[in-house]
């Protein structure tokens, strides 16, 4: 199984919405968030069968971080 990477440059306001969309797609294995200087702020794996209860704290942290960020980059690793 090969993995592909894709990056999205977005503003902090759209961060949580985009993360939720990516999770809903289902083929994402890891999400990394970096600031505009390229420093990794957060990275988390997504495994098959991951339930909402496990994701809730991650999404809460992403939401809090989104309020502080102007621009960021989301790097998505997908299984193909």
Protein backbone atom coordinates (compact mmCIF):
# COMPACT_ATOMS: atom_id res chain seq x y z
CA UNK A 1 0.00 0.00 0.00
CA UNK A 2 1.42 3.37 -1.02
CA UNK A 3 0.76 6.65 0.67
CA UNK A 4 0.28 9.99 -1.01
CA UNK A 5 0.54 13.44 0.53
CA UNK A 6 -1.54 16.50 -0.24
CA UNK A 7 -1.33 19.98 1.29
CA UNK A 8 -3.93 22.70 1.77
CA UNK A 9 -3.12 26.31 2.68
CA UNK A 10 -6.02 27.77 4.67
CA UNK A 11 -6.78 30.41 7.26
CA UNK A 12 -7.44 29.58 10.91
CA UNK A 13 -11.19 30.16 10.58
CA UNK A 14 -11.53 27.33 8.05
CA UNK A 15 -9.20 24.90 9.85
CA UNK A 16 -11.71 22.92 11.92
CA UNK A 17 -14.20 22.66 9.05
CA UNK A 18 -11.51 21.32 6.68
CA UNK A 19 -10.26 18.79 9.27
CA UNK A 20 -13.80 17.46 9.72
CA UNK A 21 -14.23 17.17 5.93
CA UNK A 22 -10.97 15.24 5.61
CA UNK A 23 -11.92 12.85 8.41
CA UNK A 24 -15.29 12.22 6.75
CA UNK A 25 -13.54 11.19 3.50
CA UNK A 26 -12.29 8.07 5.24
CA UNK A 27 -9.08 7.40 3.30
CA UNK A 28 -6.90 9.77 5.35
CA UNK A 29 -4.29 8.07 7.54
CA UNK A 30 -2.52 11.10 9.08
CA UNK A 31 -3.11 14.84 9.34
CA UNK A 32 -0.37 17.36 10.16
CA UNK A 33 -0.89 21.07 10.80
CA UNK A 34 1.98 23.52 10.32
CA UNK A 35 2.16 27.28 10.77
CA UNK A 36 3.15 29.61 7.93
CA UNK A 37 6.82 29.35 8.96
CA UNK A 38 6.67 25.57 8.45
CA UNK A 39 6.77 24.60 12.14
CA UNK A 40 4.63 21.54 12.87
CA UNK A 41 2.00 22.43 15.45
CA UNK A 42 0.02 19.20 15.57
CA UNK A 43 0.04 15.80 13.93
CA UNK A 44 -2.35 12.93 14.54
CA UNK A 45 -3.01 9.55 12.95
CA UNK A 46 -6.44 8.45 11.78
CA UNK A 47 -7.00 4.72 11.94
CA UNK A 48 -9.82 2.64 10.56
CA UNK A 49 -12.57 2.38 13.16
CA UNK A 50 -11.62 5.58 14.96
CA UNK A 51 -14.71 6.67 16.85
CA UNK A 52 -16.00 10.14 17.65
CA UNK A 53 -15.22 9.80 21.35
CA UNK A 54 -11.52 9.42 20.55
CA UNK A 55 -11.57 12.30 18.05
CA UNK A 56 -13.39 14.77 20.31
CA UNK A 57 -10.30 15.94 22.25
CA UNK A 58 -8.30 16.26 19.02
CA UNK A 59 -11.02 18.36 17.40
CA UNK A 60 -11.27 20.52 20.53
CA UNK A 61 -7.52 21.17 20.37
CA UNK A 62 -7.73 21.97 16.65
CA UNK A 63 -10.58 24.40 17.33
CA UNK A 64 -8.60 26.18 20.05
CA UNK A 65 -5.54 26.36 17.82
CA UNK A 66 -7.61 27.70 14.91
CA UNK A 67 -8.57 30.72 16.99
CA UNK A 68 -4.88 31.61 17.36
CA UNK A 69 -3.69 31.00 13.80
CA UNK A 70 -3.83 33.38 10.89
CA UNK A 71 -2.71 31.01 8.17
CA UNK A 72 -1.63 27.40 8.26
CA UNK A 73 -1.01 24.38 6.10
CA UNK A 74 -2.72 21.02 6.50
CA UNK A 75 -0.75 18.08 5.13
CA UNK A 76 -2.83 14.97 4.54
CA UNK A 77 -1.43 11.47 4.12
CA UNK A 78 -3.72 9.10 2.25
CA UNK A 79 -3.61 5.37 1.72
CA UNK A 80 -3.87 4.48 -1.95
